[in-house]
Amino acid sequence: MHMLIMPVANGILPRPLGGTITGMFIIESGGQLLMDAGIGRDILICPWIVDQQGLYPVGVIVRIMNIWNQTVADGTGAEIPVIMAKLEGRGHARWHTMRTSGNYIYSSDVEHINLKKMRKEYPAISGAGWSAQGGYTKFRDKSDIPVTIYGTDLETGREVSMTANLGGLVELEQAHTIEHSVIRALNTYGLCTPRTLVESMSRETDELKKSVEFSIKHTMPEVLGLTASGACGNPMTNLAQFYLAQEFVSNIEAGKSLNESLDKARRATMSQLTEDIGLTMQQGVRVLQGLKKGMAHDDTLLKIETYKRVISRFPFEPWE
């Protein structure tokens, strides 16, 4: 099929078969393309991967159901014209080659794909139609490690979730890392596959390590566990928040100023954390200790077959 392609940088895709979303588009960033295509036309929307400055080859074909003009206020209060559009999902698809014409991207070999039917050979989790916002990993024993991902249905606004028991397949620390990486993959690529899962794990754990090093180096416990995909809930960050709040209130009650109270609370919190978790002050080693002992993460790469089995234990989408 010959089709126009519209990049989306926010990871928002409609549910592939009949799901609808209504979005706001700046005229220079997608709005003009929608107007040129026109109501009733199909286009392919694909995630724009900011870190790679590239277009992901798999997306959702959407039909333009309605378009209208609207004026909104920006951060300064100035009014700017935008395009509002209602889009309906028509199915997953991928492009093989792409070309540009002026400001537009198009492909002459767009192919419909049924990812749900392909799961045995090509396991995947779809991020279309919902926005993954968080998750949690429980540990009952090595054979019982349920991982839950939750988020919001883009059409109804209701909470949706999916759960997979990864017990017997990976360890607790690996399951916790997978939890965060699935969320990151869904929000970045609109799809979690073995490849996007591995790439997301690499970026997620790299950012977690940087948060440990930065917090120790600059005595800022509040940045522990913060990554582009959100805040990581784990023993180390939970303790950091508890100690920081406790120490800060204690200092305020003792009559210290806000700045002095925060400074003393930060130093006392980091000192208590390093003692509780047993972190060495040796640079590099303390990062790995913080990641595994403190945050319960393990970024050891596993066999690709293991990641395939991990993904297969999750449903294809949260409505199943």
C-alpha atoms as a PDB file:
ATOM      1  CA  MET A   1       0.000   0.000   0.000  1.00  0.00           C
ATOM      2  CA  HIS A   2       1.040   3.576  -0.692  1.00  0.00           C
ATOM      3  CA  MET A   3       0.457   5.714   2.392  1.00  0.00           C
ATOM      4  CA  LEU A   4       1.439   8.938   4.133  1.00  0.00           C
ATOM      5  CA  ILE A   5       3.250   8.462   7.450  1.00  0.00           C
ATOM      6  CA  MET A   6       2.821  10.785  10.426  1.00  0.00           C
ATOM      7  CA  PRO A   7       5.401  10.558  13.255  1.00  0.00           C
ATOM      8  CA  VAL A   8       4.154  10.874  16.839  1.00  0.00           C
ATOM      9  CA  ALA A   9       6.615  11.639  19.624  1.00  0.00           C
ATOM     10  CA  ASN A  10       4.309  11.049  22.601  1.00  0.00           C
ATOM     11  CA  GLY A  11       3.717   7.323  22.015  1.00  0.00           C
ATOM     12  CA  ILE A  12      -0.058   7.817  21.696  1.00  0.00           C
ATOM     13  CA  LEU A  13      -1.623   5.367  19.241  1.00  0.00           C
ATOM     14  CA  PRO A  14      -5.311   4.377  19.001  1.00  0.00           C
ATOM     15  CA  ARG A  15      -6.434   0.819  19.661  1.00  0.00           C
ATOM     16  CA  PRO A  16      -5.820  -0.916  16.318  1.00  0.00           C
ATOM     17  CA  LEU A  17      -9.292  -2.234  15.524  1.00  0.00           C
ATOM     18  CA  GLY A  18     -11.943   0.439  15.902  1.00  0.00           C
ATOM     19  CA  GLY A  19     -10.469   2.391  18.799  1.00  0.00           C
ATOM     20  CA  THR A  20     -10.611   6.173  18.547  1.00  0.00           C
ATOM     21  CA  ILE A  21      -8.558   9.033  19.942  1.00  0.00           C
ATOM     22  CA  THR A  22      -9.040  12.769  19.628  1.00  0.00           C
ATOM     23  CA  GLY A  23      -5.859  14.779  19.513  1.00  0.00           C
ATOM     24  CA  MET A  24      -4.573  18.300  19.104  1.00  0.00           C
ATOM     25  CA  PHE A  25      -1.983  18.936  16.397  1.00  0.00           C
ATOM     26  CA  ILE A  26       0.122  22.009  15.752  1.00  0.00           C
ATOM     27  CA  ILE A  27      -0.346  22.970  12.104  1.00  0.00           C
ATOM     28  CA  GLU A  28       3.412  22.697  11.411  1.00  0.00           C
ATOM     29  CA  SER A  29       3.669  19.372  13.287  1.00  0.00           C
ATOM     30  CA  GLY A  30       1.115  17.051  11.740  1.00  0.00           C
ATOM     31  CA  GLY A  31      -1.879  19.364  11.450  1.00  0.00           C
ATOM     32  CA  GLN A  32      -1.200  20.334   7.845  1.00  0.00           C
ATOM     33  CA  LEU A  33      -0.679  16.690   6.867  1.00  0.00           C
ATOM     34  CA  LEU A  34      -4.084  15.762   8.324  1.00  0.00           C
ATOM     35  CA  MET A  35      -5.789  18.610   6.456  1.00  0.00           C
ATOM     36  CA  ASP A  36      -4.081  17.655   3.191  1.00  0.00           C
ATOM     37  CA  ALA A  37      -5.054  13.999   3.596  1.00  0.00           C
ATOM     38  CA  GLY A  38      -8.640  14.902   4.445  1.00  0.00           C
ATOM     39  CA  ILE A  39     -11.547  13.278   6.255  1.00  0.00           C
ATOM     40  CA  GLY A  40     -12.056   9.632   5.308  1.00  0.00           C
ATOM     41  CA  ARG A  41      -8.440   9.023   4.285  1.00  0.00           C
ATOM     42  CA  ASP A  42      -6.120   6.497   5.935  1.00  0.00           C
ATOM     43  CA  ILE A  43      -2.606   7.344   7.105  1.00  0.00           C
ATOM     44  CA  LEU A  44       0.001   5.401   9.071  1.00  0.00           C
ATOM     45  CA  ILE A  45       1.099   6.863  12.411  1.00  0.00           C
ATOM     46  CA  CYS A  46       4.384   5.593  13.848  1.00  0.00           C
ATOM     47  CA  PRO A  47       6.362   6.487  16.979  1.00  0.00           C
ATOM     48  CA  TRP A  48       9.232   8.924  16.536  1.00  0.00           C
ATOM     49  CA  ILE A  49      12.105   7.662  18.702  1.00  0.00           C
ATOM     50  CA  VAL A  50      13.636  10.829  20.118  1.00  0.00           C
ATOM     51  CA  ASP A  51      16.830   9.180  21.449  1.00  0.00           C
ATOM     52  CA  GLN A  52      17.557   7.628  18.060  1.00  0.00           C
ATOM     53  CA  GLN A  53      16.130  10.454  15.945  1.00  0.00           C
ATOM     54  CA  GLY A  54      14.395   7.863  13.832  1.00  0.00           C
ATOM     55  CA  LEU A  55      10.962   6.542  12.903  1.00  0.00           C
ATOM     56  CA  TYR A  56       9.937   3.164  14.331  1.00  0.00           C
ATOM     57  CA  PRO A  57       8.803   0.912  11.447  1.00  0.00           C
ATOM     58  CA  VAL A  58       5.654  -0.420  13.147  1.00  0.00           C
ATOM     59  CA  GLY A  59       2.593   1.675  13.908  1.00  0.00           C
ATOM     60  CA  VAL A  60      -1.170   1.852  13.474  1.00  0.00           C
ATOM     61  CA  ILE A  61      -3.119   2.734  10.340  1.00  0.00           C
ATOM     62  CA  VAL A  62      -5.758   5.312  11.257  1.00  0.00           C
ATOM     63  CA  ARG A  63      -8.745   6.715   9.401  1.00  0.00           C
ATOM     64  CA  ILE A  64      -9.315  10.456   9.759  1.00  0.00           C
ATOM     65  CA  MET A  65     -12.890  10.627  11.050  1.00  0.00           C
ATOM     66  CA  ASN A  66     -13.134  14.367  11.652  1.00  0.00           C
ATOM     67  CA  ILE A  67     -11.002  17.514  11.537  1.00  0.00           C
ATOM     68  CA  TRP A  68     -11.732  20.960  12.930  1.00  0.00           C
ATOM     69  CA  ASN A  69      -9.910  24.182  13.747  1.00  0.00           C
ATOM     70  CA  GLN A  70      -9.481  25.427  17.280  1.00  0.00           C
ATOM     71  CA  THR A  71      -7.557  28.126  19.125  1.00  0.00           C
ATOM     72  CA  VAL A  72      -5.675  27.397  22.357  1.00  0.00           C
ATOM     73  CA  ALA A  73      -3.531  29.469  24.695  1.00  0.00           C
ATOM     74  CA  ASP A  74       0.155  28.670  25.092  1.00  0.00           C
ATOM     75  CA  GLY A  75       2.207  29.019  28.278  1.00  0.00           C
ATOM     76  CA  THR A  76       2.431  32.789  27.884  1.00  0.00           C
ATOM     77  CA  GLY A  77      -1.287  33.237  27.299  1.00  0.00           C
ATOM     78  CA  ALA A  78      -0.904  33.897  23.568  1.00  0.00           C
ATOM     79  CA  GLU A  79      -3.509  32.240  21.356  1.00  0.00           C
ATOM     80  CA  ILE A  80      -2.313  29.827  18.678  1.00  0.00           C
ATOM     81  CA  PRO A  81      -4.345  28.023  15.989  1.00  0.00           C
ATOM     82  CA  VAL A  82      -4.325  24.212  16.133  1.00  0.00           C
ATOM     83  CA  ILE A  83      -5.970  21.332  14.333  1.00  0.00           C
ATOM     84  CA  MET A  84      -8.182  18.923  16.264  1.00  0.00           C
ATOM     85  CA  ALA A  85      -8.678  15.490  14.754  1.00  0.00           C
ATOM     86  CA  LYS A  86     -10.547  12.307  15.610  1.00  0.00           C
ATOM     87  CA  LEU A  87      -8.661   9.205  14.443  1.00  0.00           C
ATOM     88  CA  GLU A  88      -9.908   5.613  14.301  1.00  0.00           C
ATOM     89  CA  GLY A  89      -7.550   2.644  14.390  1.00  0.00           C
ATOM     90  CA  ARG A  90      -7.679   0.277  11.410  1.00  0.00           C
ATOM     91  CA  GLY A  91      -4.928  -2.171  12.354  1.00  0.00           C
ATOM     92  CA  HIS A  92      -1.219  -2.533  12.995  1.00  0.00           C
ATOM     93  CA  ALA A  93       1.064  -2.083  10.005  1.00  0.00           C
ATOM     94  CA  ARG A  94       4.703  -1.611   9.153  1.00  0.00           C
ATOM     95  CA  TRP A  95       6.588   0.207   6.471  1.00  0.00           C
ATOM     96  CA  HIS A  96       9.621  -1.326   4.762  1.00  0.00           C
ATOM     97  CA  THR A  97      11.018   1.673   2.907  1.00  0.00           C
ATOM     98  CA  MET A  98      10.169   5.347   3.256  1.00  0.00           C
ATOM     99  CA  ARG A  99      10.661   8.459   1.199  1.00  0.00           C
ATOM    100  CA  THR A 100      10.166  12.160   1.712  1.00  0.00           C
ATOM    101  CA  SER A 101       8.391  14.691  -0.451  1.00  0.00           C
ATOM    102  CA  GLY A 102       8.694  18.223   0.823  1.00  0.00           C
ATOM    103  CA  ASN A 103       7.780  18.059   4.509  1.00  0.00           C
ATOM    104  CA  TYR A 104       5.936  14.761   4.165  1.00  0.00           C
ATOM    105  CA  ILE A 105       7.017  11.163   4.700  1.00  0.00           C
ATOM    106  CA  TYR A 106       5.419   8.360   2.745  1.00  0.00           C
ATOM    107  CA  SER A 107       5.921   4.704   1.932  1.00  0.00           C
ATOM    108  CA  SER A 108       4.852   2.676  -1.084  1.00  0.00           C
ATOM    109  CA  ASP A 109       5.168  -0.679   0.719  1.00  0.00           C
ATOM    110  CA  VAL A 110       3.071  -0.406   3.878  1.00  0.00           C
ATOM    111  CA  GLU A 111       2.006  -3.857   5.028  1.00  0.00           C
ATOM    112  CA  HIS A 112      -0.865  -4.835   7.343  1.00  0.00           C
ATOM    113  CA  ILE A 113       0.334  -7.131  10.148  1.00  0.00           C
ATOM    114  CA  ASN A 114      -1.646  -9.153  12.687  1.00  0.00           C
ATOM    115  CA  LEU A 115       0.668  -9.070  15.688  1.00  0.00           C
ATOM    116  CA  LYS A 116      -1.779 -11.003  17.839  1.00  0.00           C
ATOM    117  CA  LYS A 117      -1.753 -13.986  15.486  1.00  0.00           C
ATOM    118  CA  MET A 118       2.036 -13.776  15.168  1.00  0.00           C
ATOM    119  CA  ARG A 119       2.675 -14.066  18.924  1.00  0.00           C
ATOM    120  CA  LYS A 120       4.038 -17.633  18.837  1.00  0.00           C
ATOM    121  CA  GLU A 121       6.744 -16.692  16.352  1.00  0.00           C
ATOM    122  CA  TYR A 122       7.050 -13.010  17.224  1.00  0.00           C
ATOM    123  CA  PRO A 123       5.794 -12.307  20.770  1.00  0.00           C
ATOM    124  CA  ALA A 124       4.768  -8.719  21.430  1.00  0.00           C
ATOM    125  CA  ILE A 125       2.718  -6.565  23.803  1.00  0.00           C
ATOM    126  CA  SER A 126       0.723  -3.742  22.243  1.00  0.00           C
ATOM    127  CA  GLY A 127       0.828  -0.233  23.702  1.00  0.00           C
ATOM    128  CA  ALA A 128      -1.810   1.050  21.274  1.00  0.00           C
ATOM    129  CA  GLY A 129      -5.036   2.343  22.792  1.00  0.00           C
ATOM    130  CA  TRP A 130      -3.665   2.809  26.296  1.00  0.00           C
ATOM    131  CA  SER A 131      -0.937   4.642  28.150  1.00  0.00           C
ATOM    132  CA  ALA A 132       1.193   2.542  30.520  1.00  0.00           C
ATOM    133  CA  GLN A 133       1.792   4.630  33.643  1.00  0.00           C
ATOM    134  CA  GLY A 134       3.294   2.368  36.273  1.00  0.00           C
ATOM    135  CA  GLY A 135       3.682  -1.105  37.660  1.00  0.00           C
ATOM    136  CA  TYR A 136       4.678  -3.263  40.599  1.00  0.00           C
ATOM    137  CA  THR A 137       6.421  -6.576  41.157  1.00  0.00           C
ATOM    138  CA  LYS A 138       5.525  -8.947  43.976  1.00  0.00           C
ATOM    139  CA  PHE A 139       7.581 -11.823  45.323  1.00  0.00           C
ATOM    140  CA  ARG A 140       5.990 -14.788  47.036  1.00  0.00           C
ATOM    141  CA  ASP A 141       8.638 -17.353  46.163  1.00  0.00           C
ATOM    142  CA  LYS A 142      10.880 -18.116  43.185  1.00  0.00           C
ATOM    143  CA  SER A 143       8.014 -19.773  41.348  1.00  0.00           C
ATOM    144  CA  ASP A 144       5.537 -16.986  42.050  1.00  0.00           C
ATOM    145  CA  ILE A 145       6.637 -13.501  40.929  1.00  0.00           C
ATOM    146  CA  PRO A 146       3.643 -11.623  39.474  1.00  0.00           C
ATOM    147  CA  VAL A 147       4.446  -8.436  37.538  1.00  0.00           C
ATOM    148  CA  THR A 148       1.622  -5.961  36.934  1.00  0.00           C
ATOM    149  CA  ILE A 149       1.595  -3.050  34.483  1.00  0.00           C
ATOM    150  CA  TYR A 150      -1.231  -0.529  34.787  1.00  0.00           C
ATOM    151  CA  GLY A 151      -2.311   2.509  32.833  1.00  0.00           C
ATOM    152  CA  THR A 152      -5.205   4.405  31.262  1.00  0.00           C
ATOM    153  CA  ASP A 153      -7.519   3.503  28.383  1.00  0.00           C
ATOM    154  CA  LEU A 154      -7.091   6.424  25.973  1.00  0.00           C
ATOM    155  CA  GLU A 155     -10.698   6.251  24.774  1.00  0.00           C
ATOM    156  CA  THR A 156     -12.603   5.850  28.043  1.00  0.00           C
ATOM    157  CA  GLY A 157     -10.123   7.214  30.602  1.00  0.00           C
ATOM    158  CA  ARG A 158     -10.574   4.099  32.723  1.00  0.00           C
ATOM    159  CA  GLU A 159      -7.711   2.282  34.394  1.00  0.00           C
ATOM    160  CA  VAL A 160      -6.563  -0.918  32.714  1.00  0.00           C
ATOM    161  CA  SER A 161      -3.853  -3.390  33.673  1.00  0.00           C
ATOM    162  CA  MET A 162      -2.113  -6.605  32.718  1.00  0.00           C
ATOM    163  CA  THR A 163      -0.268  -9.160  34.824  1.00  0.00           C
ATOM    164  CA  ALA A 164       2.240 -11.918  34.080  1.00  0.00           C
ATOM    165  CA  ASN A 165       3.732 -14.379  36.532  1.00  0.00           C
ATOM    166  CA  LEU A 166       7.448 -14.540  35.767  1.00  0.00           C
ATOM    167  CA  GLY A 167       8.195 -17.020  38.553  1.00  0.00           C
ATOM    168  CA  GLY A 168      10.514 -19.839  37.524  1.00  0.00           C
ATOM    169  CA  LEU A 169      11.662 -17.811  34.532  1.00  0.00           C
ATOM    170  CA  VAL A 170      13.674 -14.942  36.058  1.00  0.00           C
ATOM    171  CA  GLU A 171      14.822 -13.805  39.500  1.00  0.00           C
ATOM    172  CA  LEU A 172      13.061 -11.053  41.504  1.00  0.00           C
ATOM    173  CA  GLU A 173      15.605  -8.352  40.578  1.00  0.00           C
ATOM    174  CA  GLN A 174      15.327  -9.259  36.895  1.00  0.00           C
ATOM    175  CA  ALA A 175      11.513  -9.218  37.081  1.00  0.00           C
ATOM    176  CA  HIS A 176      11.603  -5.733  38.636  1.00  0.00           C
ATOM    177  CA  THR A 177      13.876  -4.517  35.838  1.00  0.00           C
ATOM    178  CA  ILE A 178      11.570  -6.097  33.246  1.00  0.00           C
ATOM    179  CA  GLU A 179       8.571  -4.326  34.814  1.00  0.00           C
ATOM    180  CA  HIS A 180      10.154  -0.906  34.268  1.00  0.00           C
ATOM    181  CA  SER A 181      11.450  -1.826  30.828  1.00  0.00           C
ATOM    182  CA  VAL A 182       8.089  -3.049  29.530  1.00  0.00           C
ATOM    183  CA  ILE A 183       6.541   0.296  30.543  1.00  0.00           C
ATOM    184  CA  ARG A 184       9.356   2.188  28.822  1.00  0.00           C
ATOM    185  CA  ALA A 185       9.091   0.093  25.640  1.00  0.00           C
ATOM    186  CA  LEU A 186       5.308   0.549  25.414  1.00  0.00           C
ATOM    187  CA  ASN A 187       5.547   4.320  25.854  1.00  0.00           C
ATOM    188  CA  THR A 188       8.500   4.731  23.500  1.00  0.00           C
ATOM    189  CA  TYR A 189       7.746   2.293  20.686  1.00  0.00           C
ATOM    190  CA  GLY A 190       4.046   1.579  21.198  1.00  0.00           C
ATOM    191  CA  LEU A 191       5.124  -2.047  21.214  1.00  0.00           C
ATOM    192  CA  CYS A 192       7.138  -4.300  23.500  1.00  0.00           C
ATOM    193  CA  THR A 193       9.077  -6.933  21.574  1.00  0.00           C
ATOM    194  CA  PRO A 194      12.233  -8.827  22.575  1.00  0.00           C
ATOM    195  CA  ARG A 195      14.336  -6.195  20.803  1.00  0.00           C
ATOM    196  CA  THR A 196      12.570  -3.124  22.215  1.00  0.00           C
ATOM    197  CA  LEU A 197      12.555  -4.756  25.666  1.00  0.00           C
ATOM    198  CA  VAL A 198      16.341  -5.229  25.610  1.00  0.00           C
ATOM    199  CA  GLU A 199      16.901  -1.677  24.350  1.00  0.00           C
ATOM    200  CA  SER A 200      14.587  -0.280  27.030  1.00  0.00           C
ATOM    201  CA  MET A 201      16.332  -2.309  29.759  1.00  0.00           C
ATOM    202  CA  SER A 202      19.670  -0.856  28.726  1.00  0.00           C
ATOM    203  CA  ARG A 203      18.420   2.733  28.848  1.00  0.00           C
ATOM    204  CA  GLU A 204      16.403   2.263  32.041  1.00  0.00           C
ATOM    205  CA  THR A 205      19.220   0.699  34.072  1.00  0.00           C
ATOM    206  CA  ASP A 206      21.712   3.261  32.739  1.00  0.00           C
ATOM    207  CA  GLU A 207      19.483   6.067  34.017  1.00  0.00           C
ATOM    208  CA  LEU A 208      18.964   4.299  37.361  1.00  0.00           C
ATOM    209  CA  LYS A 209      22.749   3.959  37.791  1.00  0.00           C
ATOM    210  CA  LYS A 210      23.191   7.651  36.986  1.00  0.00           C
ATOM    211  CA  SER A 211      20.565   8.533  39.591  1.00  0.00           C
ATOM    212  CA  VAL A 212      22.530   6.585  42.236  1.00  0.00           C
ATOM    213  CA  GLU A 213      25.838   8.227  41.329  1.00  0.00           C
ATOM    214  CA  PHE A 214      24.313  11.709  41.100  1.00  0.00           C
ATOM    215  CA  SER A 215      22.479  11.400  44.425  1.00  0.00           C
ATOM    216  CA  ILE A 216      25.627  10.259  46.260  1.00  0.00           C
ATOM    217  CA  LYS A 217      27.953  12.742  44.570  1.00  0.00           C
ATOM    218  CA  HIS A 218      25.677  15.735  45.134  1.00  0.00           C
ATOM    219  CA  THR A 219      23.995  14.540  48.362  1.00  0.00           C
ATOM    220  CA  MET A 220      20.504  14.598  46.829  1.00  0.00           C
ATOM    221  CA  PRO A 221      18.516  11.522  47.928  1.00  0.00           C
ATOM    222  CA  GLU A 222      15.365  12.842  46.235  1.00  0.00           C
ATOM    223  CA  VAL A 223      16.707  12.005  42.742  1.00  0.00           C
ATOM    224  CA  LEU A 224      17.254   8.316  43.523  1.00  0.00           C
ATOM    225  CA  GLY A 225      15.330   6.085  41.121  1.00  0.00           C
ATOM    226  CA  LEU A 226      14.149   8.866  38.810  1.00  0.00           C
ATOM    227  CA  THR A 227      14.276   8.000  35.096  1.00  0.00           C
ATOM    228  CA  ALA A 228      12.537   9.138  31.936  1.00  0.00           C
ATOM    229  CA  SER A 229       9.878   6.471  32.518  1.00  0.00           C
ATOM    230  CA  GLY A 230       9.033   7.715  36.017  1.00  0.00           C
ATOM    231  CA  ALA A 231       9.983   7.046  39.632  1.00  0.00           C
ATOM    232  CA  CYS A 232      11.131   3.584  40.670  1.00  0.00           C
ATOM    233  CA  GLY A 233       9.546   2.244  43.831  1.00  0.00           C
ATOM    234  CA  ASN A 234      12.101   0.148  45.724  1.00  0.00           C
ATOM    235  CA  PRO A 235      13.543  -0.222  49.256  1.00  0.00           C
ATOM    236  CA  MET A 236      16.287   2.349  48.704  1.00  0.00           C
ATOM    237  CA  THR A 237      14.080   5.124  47.303  1.00  0.00           C
ATOM    238  CA  ASN A 238      11.327   4.411  49.840  1.00  0.00           C
ATOM    239  CA  LEU A 239      13.818   4.712  52.702  1.00  0.00           C
ATOM    240  CA  ALA A 240      15.290   7.861  51.166  1.00  0.00           C
ATOM    241  CA  GLN A 241      11.881   9.546  51.043  1.00  0.00           C
ATOM    242  CA  PHE A 242      11.073   8.459  54.608  1.00  0.00           C
ATOM    243  CA  TYR A 243      14.398   9.574  56.104  1.00  0.00           C
ATOM    244  CA  LEU A 244      14.411  12.853  54.164  1.00  0.00           C
ATOM    245  CA  ALA A 245      10.909  13.813  55.324  1.00  0.00           C
ATOM    246  CA  GLN A 246      11.627  12.766  58.904  1.00  0.00           C
ATOM    247  CA  GLU A 247      14.902  14.668  59.134  1.00  0.00           C
ATOM    248  CA  PHE A 248      13.518  17.761  57.428  1.00  0.00           C
ATOM    249  CA  VAL A 249      10.557  18.031  59.814  1.00  0.00           C
ATOM    250  CA  SER A 250      12.862  17.455  62.788  1.00  0.00           C
ATOM    251  CA  ASN A 251      15.165  20.267  61.677  1.00  0.00           C
ATOM    252  CA  ILE A 252      12.268  22.666  61.092  1.00  0.00           C
ATOM    253  CA  GLU A 253      10.882  21.913  64.549  1.00  0.00           C
ATOM    254  CA  ALA A 254      14.342  22.630  65.987  1.00  0.00           C
ATOM    255  CA  GLY A 255      14.081  26.165  64.590  1.00  0.00           C
ATOM    256  CA  LYS A 256      16.447  25.846  61.610  1.00  0.00           C
ATOM    257  CA  SER A 257      15.789  27.721  58.366  1.00  0.00           C
ATOM    258  CA  LEU A 258      14.279  25.974  55.322  1.00  0.00           C
ATOM    259  CA  ASN A 259      17.588  25.833  53.447  1.00  0.00           C
ATOM    260  CA  GLU A 260      19.557  24.630  56.462  1.00  0.00           C
ATOM    261  CA  SER A 261      16.876  22.068  57.336  1.00  0.00           C
ATOM    262  CA  LEU A 262      16.909  20.634  53.807  1.00  0.00           C
ATOM    263  CA  ASP A 263      20.715  20.589  53.605  1.00  0.00           C
ATOM    264  CA  LYS A 264      21.102  18.780  56.927  1.00  0.00           C
ATOM    265  CA  ALA A 265      18.262  16.387  56.068  1.00  0.00           C
ATOM    266  CA  ARG A 266      19.889  15.451  52.763  1.00  0.00           C
ATOM    267  CA  ARG A 267      23.267  14.749  54.382  1.00  0.00           C
ATOM    268  CA  ALA A 268      21.747  12.749  57.236  1.00  0.00           C
ATOM    269  CA  THR A 269      19.585  10.745  54.785  1.00  0.00           C
ATOM    270  CA  MET A 270      22.488   9.790  52.525  1.00  0.00           C
ATOM    271  CA  SER A 271      24.613   8.834  55.522  1.00  0.00           C
ATOM    272  CA  GLN A 272      21.840   6.614  56.908  1.00  0.00           C
ATOM    273  CA  LEU A 273      21.143   5.050  53.512  1.00  0.00           C
ATOM    274  CA  THR A 274      24.741   4.093  52.815  1.00  0.00           C
ATOM    275  CA  GLU A 275      24.931   2.554  56.290  1.00  0.00           C
ATOM    276  CA  ASP A 276      21.623   0.656  55.990  1.00  0.00           C
ATOM    277  CA  ILE A 277      22.361  -0.776  52.546  1.00  0.00           C
ATOM    278  CA  GLY A 278      26.077  -1.188  53.088  1.00  0.00           C
ATOM    279  CA  LEU A 279      27.199   0.884  50.117  1.00  0.00           C
ATOM    280  CA  THR A 280      30.923   1.287  49.597  1.00  0.00           C
ATOM    281  CA  MET A 281      32.267   4.721  48.737  1.00  0.00           C
ATOM    282  CA  GLN A 282      34.302   3.214  45.887  1.00  0.00           C
ATOM    283  CA  GLN A 283      33.093   4.891  42.715  1.00  0.00           C
ATOM    284  CA  GLY A 284      31.553   2.481  40.214  1.00  0.00           C
ATOM    285  CA  VAL A 285      31.113  -0.328  42.734  1.00  0.00           C
ATOM    286  CA  ARG A 286      28.678   1.741  44.790  1.00  0.00           C
ATOM    287  CA  VAL A 287      26.524   2.258  41.698  1.00  0.00           C
ATOM    288  CA  LEU A 288      26.193  -1.476  41.103  1.00  0.00           C
ATOM    289  CA  GLN A 289      25.488  -2.053  44.798  1.00  0.00           C
ATOM    290  CA  GLY A 290      22.857   0.678  44.770  1.00  0.00           C
ATOM    291  CA  LEU A 291      21.218  -0.806  41.675  1.00  0.00           C
ATOM    292  CA  LYS A 292      21.024  -4.394  42.916  1.00  0.00           C
ATOM    293  CA  LYS A 293      21.070  -4.206  46.729  1.00  0.00           C
ATOM    294  CA  GLY A 294      19.238  -0.936  47.100  1.00  0.00           C
ATOM    295  CA  MET A 295      16.864  -0.821  44.150  1.00  0.00           C
ATOM    296  CA  ALA A 296      16.384  -4.562  43.553  1.00  0.00           C
ATOM    297  CA  HIS A 297      17.348  -4.303  39.864  1.00  0.00           C
ATOM    298  CA  ASP A 298      19.503  -6.643  37.802  1.00  0.00           C
ATOM    299  CA  ASP A 299      20.529  -5.594  34.302  1.00  0.00           C
ATOM    300  CA  THR A 300      22.294  -8.862  33.404  1.00  0.00           C
ATOM    301  CA  LEU A 301      21.417  -9.679  29.807  1.00  0.00           C
ATOM    302  CA  LEU A 302      19.531 -12.955  29.375  1.00  0.00           C
ATOM    303  CA  LYS A 303      19.077 -15.133  26.307  1.00  0.00           C
ATOM    304  CA  ILE A 304      16.699 -13.743  23.694  1.00  0.00           C
ATOM    305  CA  GLU A 305      14.528 -16.858  24.128  1.00  0.00           C
ATOM    306  CA  THR A 306      13.991 -15.897  27.772  1.00  0.00           C
ATOM    307  CA  TYR A 307      12.708 -12.452  26.766  1.00  0.00           C
ATOM    308  CA  LYS A 308      10.370 -14.084  24.255  1.00  0.00           C
ATOM    309  CA  ARG A 309       8.955 -16.268  27.008  1.00  0.00           C
ATOM    310  CA  VAL A 310       8.663 -13.260  29.330  1.00  0.00           C
ATOM    311  CA  ILE A 311       6.601 -11.337  26.764  1.00  0.00           C
ATOM    312  CA  SER A 312       4.470 -14.400  25.969  1.00  0.00           C
ATOM    313  CA  ARG A 313       3.334 -14.570  29.596  1.00  0.00           C
ATOM    314  CA  PHE A 314       1.739 -11.142  29.319  1.00  0.00           C
ATOM    315  CA  PRO A 315      -1.528 -10.712  27.377  1.00  0.00           C
ATOM    316  CA  PHE A 316      -1.213  -8.961  24.023  1.00  0.00           C
ATOM    317  CA  GLU A 317      -3.194  -5.994  25.350  1.00  0.00           C
ATOM    318  CA  PRO A 318      -4.842  -5.116  28.694  1.00  0.00           C
ATOM    319  CA  TRP A 319      -8.409  -5.739  27.483  1.00  0.00           C
ATOM    320  CA  GLU A 320      -7.832  -9.484  27.141  1.00  0.00           C
END
